[in-house]
Amino acid sequence: MRGPVRTVDRVRLSLVELGLLTVAVVVVATAIPRCGSSGRTVVRARWDWTPGVLNPLVTQATIAATICRHGWTRTIRPPVEYTNALKQRQLRQYGMRGPPSAFQEDHLISLELGGNPNDPRNLWPEPYPRASAVDQIENELNRRVCTGSLTLAEAQRRESALKHRDG
């Protein structure tokens, strides 16, 4: 024969316990949409601050002499002093915390896809490790443009959508 079974007929919470439970639910509910699979906060480029600006030298007709020429992006990359100062301002603007070294001042439309090298509307602080993962996507899009399997305009559209949607 078994002993008595304990059951809970009703749970009564004090006002303090109810308040704490409510706060806990709100914190969890607001944190979930910002978390990616790694538990890190997802940071997306904002359309109003970083819409992306194109380099007028890069068009479908000029890709062989520009983005598809090995080493070309080195000739137009802005100096680190410029991007570091801009990163500091944009980290405050985006409300991001942490050391600047945790972010890459990234081109929304990459130099490999004809993005403007210096316009602040084409640069934003993208957190690591996401920035490194996106670099691989940018290189693949560049490869596809240079082999002719994707137009420059379509690659730029995909890159913009990726950074505005997924960070």
Protein backbone atom coordinates (compact mmCIF):
# COMPACT_ATOMS: atom_id res chain seq x y z
CA MET A 1 0.00 0.00 0.00
CA ARG A 2 1.20 3.46 -0.85
CA GLY A 3 1.41 6.41 1.48
CA PRO A 4 -0.54 9.61 1.12
CA VAL A 5 -0.17 11.52 -2.14
CA ARG A 6 0.55 15.21 -1.92
CA THR A 7 -1.25 17.38 -4.41
CA VAL A 8 -1.55 21.08 -4.97
CA ASP A 9 -5.12 22.19 -5.18
CA ARG A 10 -4.44 25.91 -5.48
CA VAL A 11 -1.38 28.06 -5.71
CA ARG A 12 -1.68 31.36 -3.93
CA LEU A 13 0.86 34.05 -4.66
CA SER A 14 1.41 37.12 -2.59
CA LEU A 15 1.42 40.47 -4.38
CA VAL A 16 5.23 40.57 -4.12
CA GLU A 17 5.58 37.08 -5.63
CA LEU A 18 3.10 37.97 -8.38
CA GLY A 19 5.07 41.15 -9.15
CA LEU A 20 8.35 39.25 -9.34
CA LEU A 21 6.81 36.63 -11.60
CA THR A 22 5.45 39.34 -13.90
CA VAL A 23 8.86 41.03 -14.13
CA ALA A 24 10.51 37.69 -14.92
CA VAL A 25 8.02 36.95 -17.71
CA VAL A 26 8.52 40.41 -19.25
CA VAL A 27 12.32 40.09 -19.17
CA VAL A 28 12.23 36.69 -20.85
CA ALA A 29 9.66 37.77 -23.43
CA THR A 30 11.67 40.83 -24.47
CA ALA A 31 14.98 38.97 -24.58
CA ILE A 32 13.87 36.08 -26.80
CA PRO A 33 13.38 38.02 -30.08
CA ARG A 34 16.84 39.61 -29.76
CA CYS A 35 18.69 36.37 -29.27
CA GLY A 36 20.09 34.30 -32.09
CA SER A 37 20.92 30.65 -31.85
CA SER A 38 24.19 31.51 -30.11
CA GLY A 39 22.41 33.54 -27.43
CA ARG A 40 24.04 36.75 -28.70
CA THR A 41 22.06 39.85 -29.43
CA VAL A 42 21.27 40.25 -33.12
CA VAL A 43 22.23 43.67 -34.47
CA ARG A 44 20.65 44.66 -37.75
CA ALA A 45 21.64 47.61 -39.93
CA ARG A 46 18.99 50.31 -39.71
CA TRP A 47 17.52 51.63 -42.96
CA ASP A 48 17.37 55.20 -41.66
CA TRP A 49 21.05 55.32 -40.62
CA THR A 50 22.65 52.78 -42.94
CA PRO A 51 20.68 52.39 -46.16
CA GLY A 52 23.78 51.49 -48.21
CA VAL A 53 25.42 53.73 -50.80
CA LEU A 54 26.97 52.57 -54.05
CA ASN A 55 30.34 53.46 -55.54
CA PRO A 56 29.62 55.28 -58.84
CA LEU A 57 32.77 53.73 -60.36
CA VAL A 58 31.28 50.23 -60.11
CA THR A 59 28.60 49.23 -62.59
CA GLN A 60 27.78 46.01 -64.39
CA ALA A 61 29.80 47.36 -67.32
CA THR A 62 32.91 48.08 -65.20
CA ILE A 63 33.13 44.99 -62.98
CA ALA A 64 36.05 43.47 -64.92
CA ALA A 65 38.16 46.56 -64.20
CA THR A 66 36.92 47.07 -60.63
CA ILE A 67 35.46 44.45 -58.28
CA CYS A 68 36.58 41.47 -60.37
CA ARG A 69 40.19 42.66 -60.56
CA HIS A 70 42.35 41.05 -57.84
CA GLY A 71 43.48 43.62 -55.28
CA TRP A 72 41.18 46.43 -56.46
CA THR A 73 39.40 46.84 -53.10
CA ARG A 74 42.75 47.60 -51.41
CA THR A 75 43.05 50.67 -53.61
CA ILE A 76 39.78 52.18 -52.33
CA ARG A 77 39.56 50.95 -48.72
CA PRO A 78 39.27 53.91 -46.29
CA PRO A 79 42.01 54.45 -43.71
CA VAL A 80 41.65 52.75 -40.31
CA GLU A 81 41.75 56.14 -38.55
CA TYR A 82 38.59 57.14 -40.42
CA THR A 83 36.69 53.91 -39.80
CA ASN A 84 37.72 53.70 -36.12
CA ALA A 85 36.46 57.24 -35.43
CA LEU A 86 33.24 56.51 -37.32
CA LYS A 87 32.81 53.23 -35.41
CA GLN A 88 32.97 55.08 -32.08
CA ARG A 89 30.22 57.50 -33.18
CA GLN A 90 28.04 54.78 -34.67
CA LEU A 91 28.36 52.51 -31.62
CA ARG A 92 26.82 55.33 -29.59
CA GLN A 93 24.21 56.01 -32.28
CA TYR A 94 23.17 52.33 -32.43
CA GLY A 95 23.23 52.15 -28.60
CA MET A 96 25.72 49.27 -28.60
CA ARG A 97 27.87 48.46 -25.62
CA GLY A 98 31.18 46.69 -25.38
CA PRO A 99 34.70 47.29 -26.58
CA PRO A 100 35.09 48.64 -30.13
CA SER A 101 37.25 45.59 -30.88
CA ALA A 102 34.08 43.45 -30.60
CA PHE A 103 32.77 45.15 -33.77
CA GLN A 104 33.88 45.52 -37.37
CA GLU A 105 33.09 48.82 -39.06
CA ASP A 106 31.58 47.09 -42.06
CA HIS A 107 30.36 48.30 -45.41
CA LEU A 108 26.67 47.57 -45.80
CA ILE A 109 27.27 47.10 -49.52
CA SER A 110 30.75 45.61 -49.42
CA LEU A 111 33.61 46.98 -51.47
CA GLU A 112 33.62 43.59 -53.24
CA LEU A 113 30.11 44.37 -54.51
CA GLY A 114 30.54 48.03 -55.37
CA GLY A 115 29.73 49.76 -52.09
CA ASN A 116 30.85 53.32 -51.45
CA PRO A 117 34.09 53.13 -49.44
CA ASN A 118 33.71 56.36 -47.40
CA ASP A 119 30.07 57.35 -47.10
CA PRO A 120 28.91 56.86 -43.46
CA ARG A 121 25.51 55.74 -44.80
CA ASN A 122 27.29 52.67 -46.17
CA LEU A 123 29.18 51.83 -42.96
CA TRP A 124 27.92 50.39 -39.67
CA PRO A 125 29.34 48.58 -36.61
CA GLU A 126 28.72 44.89 -37.18
CA PRO A 127 29.47 42.64 -34.17
CA TYR A 128 31.86 39.72 -34.31
CA PRO A 129 31.57 36.79 -34.97
CA ARG A 130 28.69 37.67 -37.29
CA ALA A 131 30.95 40.05 -39.25
CA SER A 132 33.33 37.22 -40.10
CA ALA A 133 30.50 34.96 -41.25
CA VAL A 134 29.08 37.70 -43.47
CA ASP A 135 32.52 38.27 -45.07
CA GLN A 136 32.32 34.74 -46.50
CA ILE A 137 28.88 35.47 -47.96
CA GLU A 138 30.19 38.69 -49.53
CA ASN A 139 33.08 36.80 -51.13
CA GLU A 140 30.70 34.20 -52.55
CA LEU A 141 28.43 36.89 -53.99
CA ASN A 142 31.48 38.57 -55.57
CA ARG A 143 32.55 35.24 -57.09
CA ARG A 144 29.09 34.77 -58.58
CA VAL A 145 29.01 38.29 -60.02
CA CYS A 146 32.47 37.84 -61.54
CA THR A 147 31.57 34.47 -63.09
CA GLY A 148 28.35 35.89 -64.53
CA SER A 149 25.93 33.70 -62.58
CA LEU A 150 24.49 36.72 -60.72
CA THR A 151 24.07 40.35 -61.72
CA LEU A 152 25.75 43.07 -59.69
CA ALA A 153 22.39 44.65 -58.84
CA GLU A 154 20.97 41.34 -57.57
CA ALA A 155 24.05 40.67 -55.45
CA GLN A 156 23.80 44.16 -53.93
CA ARG A 157 20.10 43.64 -53.20
CA ARG A 158 20.80 40.30 -51.50
CA GLU A 159 23.59 41.74 -49.39
CA SER A 160 21.44 44.68 -48.27
CA ALA A 161 18.55 42.38 -47.40
CA LEU A 162 20.84 40.09 -45.42
CA LYS A 163 22.30 42.87 -43.28
CA HIS A 164 19.01 44.67 -42.73
CA ARG A 165 17.12 41.46 -41.97
CA ASP A 166 19.64 39.17 -40.22
CA GLY A 167 22.40 41.53 -39.15
